[in-house]
Amino acid sequence: MTVDTRTAVLLDPAVERRAPRRRRIDWGSLCYVAPALLVFVIFVAVPIGISLQYSFYDYNGLTVGRPVGLDNYVSVFTDPELRSALGHALLLVVFYSLIPVAIGLVLAGLMSRIKVFALPLFRALLFLPQVLATVVIAIAWRKMYGLEGPLNSVLSFFGLGSLTTDWLGNYTTALPAIGLVGTWFESGLCMVLFLSGIALIDNSVYEAASLDGAGPVRSFFAITVPALRPQISIALILTITFALRNFDIVWNTTRGGPGSTTTVPSLFVYLDAFQNRNLGQASSLAVVMTLATVTVVGTVRWLLRDKDA
């Protein structure tokens, strides 16, 4: 390229317009997010970093910690009690997430197609558990599951006294009983999420499907469920996260008993940190559970992503 040609190129206005511009930092916008970012760093990022540091030490919170490398993580994956607790958490995912999502889809589909008397009141009653504190819910269900509680009284009234038992004190029924509490607690949330998604679907789509001969069930699986992919993703993320970090319902109903049939990882974190004074072991288990939760949430987001977008 000659000198004249290069000069012409440099002086070309079109070339000037195509020249990349350096992005300027909008300091005014950063000032708006700075308080929230500061709170996040102090109360989220720093504690996570400290927990990660503790996980490599044998530390009781009082004396100087002793570095142990990866020993705490090895014990997390080799301790049979912890593996059993992880299995309990995975079973609770079924009760706290998969079943409520299915129930929420059915309820939302029925409410969107069938006129129900006092429908707003019915929705409010199903969503009411989300307003209550989980400690209150746990205590109420503990009373309900008791030997002389309402559940056994109803069974005896209908001549099913042979089925009565101490639901939370029985080795066989304790964990499913806690799981049903989560099912009752999460179903209303899923239903409200799905109803909000159904309200965004154009009714003409259902009319066209009806003209093509599709019935309510076919329309539900062919139109409603695919359209609710974003809401299903949100529901799964919220419910799975709650199931994996569940502590207060278990602690206020069975405290991990009878025996260790209802222990969950979050219960071991609490016991190791505040009763056994083994902060290193508790931190390593907390880090593992955090990574597991992030992995599960990321997998759900990837599987239910909007492929068209």
Protein backbone atom coordinates (compact mmCIF):
# COMPACT_ATOMS: atom_id res chain seq x y z
CA MET A 1 0.00 0.00 0.00
CA THR A 2 1.49 3.37 -1.04
CA VAL A 3 1.70 6.45 1.15
CA ASP A 4 -1.10 8.19 -0.78
CA THR A 5 -3.38 5.17 -0.40
CA ARG A 6 -2.78 4.97 3.34
CA THR A 7 -3.43 8.68 3.67
CA ALA A 8 -6.71 8.34 1.78
CA VAL A 9 -7.78 5.46 4.01
CA LEU A 10 -6.98 7.38 7.18
CA LEU A 11 -8.85 10.43 5.98
CA ASP A 12 -11.92 8.44 4.88
CA PRO A 13 -14.87 9.45 7.14
CA ALA A 14 -16.31 5.95 6.91
CA VAL A 15 -13.11 4.53 8.31
CA GLU A 16 -13.29 7.04 11.16
CA ARG A 17 -16.82 5.95 11.96
CA ARG A 18 -15.80 2.30 12.05
CA ALA A 19 -12.90 2.91 14.42
CA PRO A 20 -13.53 1.25 17.79
CA ARG A 21 -14.21 3.58 20.67
CA ARG A 22 -12.95 2.97 24.16
CA ARG A 23 -15.83 2.28 26.55
CA ARG A 24 -16.07 4.77 29.34
CA ILE A 25 -16.94 3.65 32.86
CA ASP A 26 -20.21 5.11 34.04
CA TRP A 27 -19.18 6.05 37.56
CA GLY A 28 -22.62 7.48 38.30
CA SER A 29 -24.27 4.10 37.76
CA LEU A 30 -21.64 2.37 39.89
CA CYS A 31 -22.46 4.72 42.75
CA TYR A 32 -26.05 3.46 42.69
CA VAL A 33 -25.05 -0.21 42.99
CA ALA A 34 -22.16 0.42 45.39
CA PRO A 35 -24.24 0.08 48.62
CA ALA A 36 -25.75 -3.24 47.51
CA LEU A 37 -22.34 -4.45 46.33
CA LEU A 38 -20.79 -3.48 49.66
CA VAL A 39 -23.48 -5.40 51.58
CA PHE A 40 -22.95 -8.42 49.31
CA VAL A 41 -19.19 -8.37 49.87
CA ILE A 42 -19.44 -7.99 53.66
CA PHE A 43 -22.24 -10.45 54.35
CA VAL A 44 -21.85 -12.98 51.51
CA ALA A 45 -18.46 -12.96 49.82
CA VAL A 46 -16.32 -12.50 52.97
CA PRO A 47 -18.13 -15.24 55.01
CA ILE A 48 -17.81 -17.63 52.07
CA GLY A 49 -14.09 -16.90 51.87
CA ILE A 50 -13.66 -17.41 55.63
CA SER A 51 -15.59 -20.71 55.50
CA LEU A 52 -13.41 -21.87 52.63
CA GLN A 53 -10.32 -21.02 54.67
CA TYR A 54 -11.62 -22.82 57.79
CA SER A 55 -12.36 -25.95 55.75
CA PHE A 56 -8.62 -26.64 55.46
CA TYR A 57 -8.02 -26.44 59.23
CA ASP A 58 -8.73 -28.40 62.36
CA TYR A 59 -10.26 -25.45 64.20
CA ASN A 60 -12.59 -25.23 67.22
CA GLY A 61 -13.15 -21.49 67.16
CA LEU A 62 -11.06 -20.83 70.28
CA THR A 63 -7.51 -22.12 69.85
CA VAL A 64 -5.18 -21.68 66.89
CA GLY A 65 -6.22 -23.80 63.93
CA ARG A 66 -4.05 -26.65 62.69
CA PRO A 67 -3.73 -27.09 58.89
CA VAL A 68 -5.02 -30.49 57.78
CA GLY A 69 -5.10 -30.06 54.01
CA LEU A 70 -7.95 -31.98 52.39
CA ASP A 71 -8.62 -34.26 55.37
CA ASN A 72 -11.92 -32.53 56.17
CA TYR A 73 -13.15 -33.03 52.61
CA VAL A 74 -12.05 -36.67 52.61
CA SER A 75 -14.08 -37.29 55.76
CA VAL A 76 -17.11 -35.65 54.14
CA PHE A 77 -17.10 -38.21 51.33
CA THR A 78 -16.05 -41.21 53.43
CA ASP A 79 -18.17 -40.79 56.58
CA PRO A 80 -21.10 -43.24 56.27
CA GLU A 81 -23.37 -41.01 58.38
CA LEU A 82 -22.77 -38.06 56.07
CA ARG A 83 -23.44 -40.21 53.00
CA SER A 84 -26.66 -41.38 54.61
CA ALA A 85 -27.64 -37.75 55.31
CA LEU A 86 -26.97 -36.88 51.68
CA GLY A 87 -29.28 -39.71 50.62
CA HIS A 88 -31.98 -38.30 52.91
CA ALA A 89 -31.52 -34.87 51.30
CA LEU A 90 -31.92 -36.35 47.82
CA LEU A 91 -35.15 -38.08 48.90
CA LEU A 92 -36.42 -34.79 50.30
CA VAL A 93 -35.75 -33.21 46.89
CA VAL A 94 -38.45 -35.53 45.52
CA PHE A 95 -40.93 -34.42 48.21
CA TYR A 96 -39.92 -30.75 48.28
CA SER A 97 -39.44 -30.18 44.55
CA LEU A 98 -40.58 -32.79 42.04
CA ILE A 99 -43.95 -33.62 43.64
CA PRO A 100 -44.86 -29.94 44.37
CA VAL A 101 -43.99 -28.98 40.77
CA ALA A 102 -46.26 -31.75 39.46
CA ILE A 103 -49.08 -30.77 41.85
CA GLY A 104 -48.62 -27.09 40.99
CA LEU A 105 -48.88 -27.83 37.26
CA VAL A 106 -52.08 -29.82 37.72
CA LEU A 107 -53.69 -27.20 39.98
CA ALA A 108 -52.69 -24.33 37.70
CA GLY A 109 -54.00 -26.19 34.65
CA LEU A 110 -57.34 -26.90 36.33
CA MET A 111 -57.76 -23.36 37.66
CA SER A 112 -57.04 -21.84 34.26
CA ARG A 113 -59.63 -24.01 32.50
CA ILE A 114 -62.37 -24.50 35.08
CA LYS A 115 -64.35 -21.76 36.78
CA VAL A 116 -64.04 -22.32 40.52
CA PHE A 117 -66.18 -20.55 43.10
CA ALA A 118 -64.14 -18.12 45.24
CA LEU A 119 -61.02 -18.87 43.18
CA PRO A 120 -58.95 -15.95 44.62
CA LEU A 121 -59.64 -17.22 48.15
CA PHE A 122 -58.63 -20.74 47.12
CA ARG A 123 -55.37 -19.44 45.65
CA ALA A 124 -54.65 -17.43 48.79
CA LEU A 125 -55.20 -20.48 51.01
CA LEU A 126 -52.81 -22.59 48.92
CA PHE A 127 -50.17 -19.84 49.01
CA LEU A 128 -50.62 -19.21 52.76
CA PRO A 129 -47.78 -21.58 53.87
CA GLN A 130 -45.26 -19.29 52.14
CA VAL A 131 -46.27 -16.46 54.47
CA LEU A 132 -45.83 -18.51 57.65
CA ALA A 133 -42.46 -19.02 59.34
CA THR A 134 -41.04 -22.50 58.83
CA VAL A 135 -40.58 -22.87 62.58
CA VAL A 136 -44.33 -22.36 63.07
CA ILE A 137 -45.04 -24.86 60.29
CA ALA A 138 -42.73 -27.45 61.85
CA ILE A 139 -44.30 -27.14 65.30
CA ALA A 140 -47.83 -27.33 63.87
CA TRP A 141 -47.07 -30.48 61.88
CA ARG A 142 -45.28 -32.03 64.86
CA LYS A 143 -48.52 -31.67 66.83
CA MET A 144 -50.52 -33.05 63.90
CA TYR A 145 -48.28 -36.13 63.61
CA GLY A 146 -48.37 -36.86 67.35
CA LEU A 147 -49.88 -40.03 68.83
CA GLU A 148 -52.94 -38.08 69.93
CA GLY A 149 -52.78 -35.61 67.08
CA PRO A 150 -55.46 -34.81 64.48
CA LEU A 151 -54.08 -37.25 61.90
CA ASN A 152 -54.42 -40.31 64.15
CA SER A 153 -57.80 -39.05 65.40
CA VAL A 154 -59.12 -38.89 61.84
CA LEU A 155 -57.81 -42.37 61.05
CA SER A 156 -59.45 -43.77 64.19
CA PHE A 157 -62.73 -42.00 63.37
CA PHE A 158 -62.90 -43.76 60.00
CA GLY A 159 -62.07 -47.16 61.49
CA LEU A 160 -58.40 -47.14 60.43
CA GLY A 161 -56.98 -47.29 63.95
CA SER A 162 -54.54 -49.99 62.89
CA LEU A 163 -52.72 -47.38 60.79
CA THR A 164 -52.18 -44.96 63.66
CA THR A 165 -48.59 -44.52 64.78
CA ASP A 166 -46.13 -41.97 66.06
CA TRP A 167 -45.38 -40.71 62.56
CA LEU A 168 -42.26 -38.75 63.51
CA GLY A 169 -41.03 -41.38 65.98
CA ASN A 170 -41.33 -44.34 63.63
CA TYR A 171 -38.15 -45.33 61.76
CA THR A 172 -40.15 -46.09 58.62
CA THR A 173 -42.46 -43.08 58.47
CA ALA A 174 -40.36 -40.26 59.93
CA LEU A 175 -38.57 -39.15 56.75
CA PRO A 176 -41.63 -39.42 54.43
CA ALA A 177 -43.66 -37.52 57.05
CA ILE A 178 -41.16 -34.64 56.93
CA GLY A 179 -41.20 -34.87 53.14
CA LEU A 180 -44.98 -34.41 53.06
CA VAL A 181 -44.57 -31.22 55.10
CA GLY A 182 -42.37 -29.88 52.32
CA THR A 183 -44.85 -30.99 49.67
CA TRP A 184 -47.62 -29.07 51.42
CA PHE A 185 -45.34 -26.06 51.89
CA GLU A 186 -44.06 -25.78 48.31
CA SER A 187 -47.13 -26.74 46.23
CA GLY A 188 -48.80 -23.35 46.65
CA LEU A 189 -45.68 -21.48 45.53
CA CYS A 190 -45.39 -23.62 42.39
CA MET A 191 -49.07 -23.13 41.61
CA VAL A 192 -48.84 -19.33 41.83
CA LEU A 193 -45.75 -19.29 39.60
CA PHE A 194 -47.46 -21.43 36.98
CA LEU A 195 -50.67 -19.40 37.08
CA SER A 196 -48.67 -16.26 36.36
CA GLY A 197 -47.09 -18.02 33.37
CA ILE A 198 -50.43 -19.30 32.05
CA ALA A 199 -51.81 -15.75 32.15
CA LEU A 200 -49.17 -14.79 29.54
CA ILE A 201 -50.29 -17.44 27.03
CA ASP A 202 -52.49 -16.07 24.24
CA ASN A 203 -55.94 -17.65 24.42
CA SER A 204 -56.04 -17.84 20.62
CA VAL A 205 -53.45 -20.62 20.80
CA TYR A 206 -55.87 -22.77 22.81
CA GLU A 207 -58.70 -21.90 20.41
CA ALA A 208 -56.62 -22.98 17.43
CA ALA A 209 -55.70 -26.23 19.16
CA SER A 210 -59.37 -26.83 19.96
CA LEU A 211 -60.30 -26.35 16.30
CA ASP A 212 -57.65 -28.93 15.39
CA GLY A 213 -59.34 -31.42 17.71
CA ALA A 214 -57.04 -31.16 20.74
CA GLY A 215 -58.78 -31.76 24.06
CA PRO A 216 -57.92 -30.16 27.42
CA VAL A 217 -55.34 -32.82 28.31
CA ARG A 218 -53.62 -32.65 24.93
CA SER A 219 -53.58 -28.83 25.04
CA PHE A 220 -52.10 -28.94 28.54
CA PHE A 221 -49.14 -31.08 27.54
CA ALA A 222 -48.66 -29.59 24.06
CA ILE A 223 -49.17 -25.89 24.86
CA THR A 224 -49.26 -25.12 28.57
CA VAL A 225 -46.30 -27.15 29.82
CA PRO A 226 -43.85 -26.02 27.07
CA ALA A 227 -44.90 -22.39 27.56
CA LEU A 228 -44.23 -22.67 31.30
CA ARG A 229 -40.58 -23.64 30.85
CA PRO A 230 -39.24 -20.43 32.50
CA GLN A 231 -41.63 -20.76 35.45
CA ILE A 232 -40.83 -24.46 35.85
CA SER A 233 -37.12 -23.61 35.90
CA ILE A 234 -37.65 -20.99 38.63
CA ALA A 235 -39.85 -23.36 40.66
CA LEU A 236 -37.29 -26.16 40.48
CA ILE A 237 -34.45 -23.85 41.49
CA LEU A 238 -36.34 -22.46 44.50
CA THR A 239 -37.64 -25.81 45.72
CA ILE A 240 -34.42 -27.80 45.18
CA THR A 241 -32.42 -25.12 46.97
CA PHE A 242 -34.84 -25.22 49.90
CA ALA A 243 -34.68 -29.02 50.03
CA LEU A 244 -30.87 -29.14 50.07
CA ARG A 245 -30.48 -26.45 52.74
CA ASN A 246 -33.46 -27.60 54.80
CA PHE A 247 -32.68 -27.38 58.51
CA ASP A 248 -35.41 -25.70 60.56
CA ILE A 249 -38.21 -28.12 59.65
CA VAL A 250 -36.07 -31.16 60.48
CA TRP A 251 -34.66 -29.60 63.65
CA ASN A 252 -38.05 -28.55 65.02
CA THR A 253 -39.76 -31.86 64.25
CA THR A 254 -37.33 -34.74 64.81
CA ARG A 255 -33.84 -33.21 65.34
CA GLY A 256 -32.53 -35.92 63.05
CA GLY A 257 -34.24 -38.82 64.83
CA PRO A 258 -35.34 -41.40 65.47
CA GLY A 259 -31.76 -42.56 65.39
CA SER A 260 -30.34 -40.93 62.27
CA THR A 261 -33.25 -41.62 59.92
CA THR A 262 -33.99 -37.93 59.24
CA THR A 263 -30.52 -36.41 59.41
CA VAL A 264 -29.64 -34.02 56.59
CA PRO A 265 -26.30 -32.33 55.74
CA SER A 266 -27.37 -28.94 57.12
CA LEU A 267 -28.05 -30.63 60.48
CA PHE A 268 -24.47 -31.96 60.55
CA VAL A 269 -23.17 -28.47 59.76
CA TYR A 270 -25.03 -27.08 62.76
CA LEU A 271 -23.98 -29.88 65.12
CA ASP A 272 -20.32 -29.79 64.06
CA ALA A 273 -20.11 -26.00 64.31
CA PHE A 274 -22.06 -25.22 67.50
CA GLN A 275 -22.08 -28.44 69.54
CA ASN A 276 -18.97 -30.39 68.58
CA ARG A 277 -16.92 -27.20 68.04
CA ASN A 278 -15.41 -28.60 64.85
CA LEU A 279 -15.60 -25.56 62.60
CA GLY A 280 -13.23 -27.02 60.02
CA GLN A 281 -15.42 -30.08 59.41
CA ALA A 282 -18.58 -27.95 59.39
CA SER A 283 -17.06 -25.51 56.90
CA SER A 284 -15.92 -28.25 54.53
CA LEU A 285 -19.40 -29.80 54.53
CA ALA A 286 -20.96 -26.38 53.96
CA VAL A 287 -18.63 -25.77 51.00
CA VAL A 288 -19.47 -29.18 49.50
CA MET A 289 -23.22 -28.55 49.88
CA THR A 290 -22.86 -25.09 48.33
CA LEU A 291 -21.04 -26.53 45.32
CA ALA A 292 -23.64 -29.31 45.02
CA THR A 293 -26.48 -26.78 45.13
CA VAL A 294 -24.83 -24.57 42.51
CA THR A 295 -24.22 -27.61 40.30
CA VAL A 296 -27.83 -28.77 40.55
CA VAL A 297 -29.18 -25.27 39.90
CA GLY A 298 -26.86 -24.81 36.93
CA THR A 299 -27.94 -28.17 35.49
CA VAL A 300 -31.61 -27.26 35.84
CA ARG A 301 -31.01 -23.91 34.15
CA TRP A 302 -29.13 -25.60 31.30
CA LEU A 303 -31.75 -28.31 30.75
CA LEU A 304 -34.65 -25.85 30.78
CA ARG A 305 -32.91 -23.05 28.90
CA ASP A 306 -34.68 -21.27 26.08
CA LYS A 307 -33.01 -22.90 23.08
CA ASP A 308 -34.55 -20.40 20.65
CA ALA A 309 -32.95 -17.51 22.55
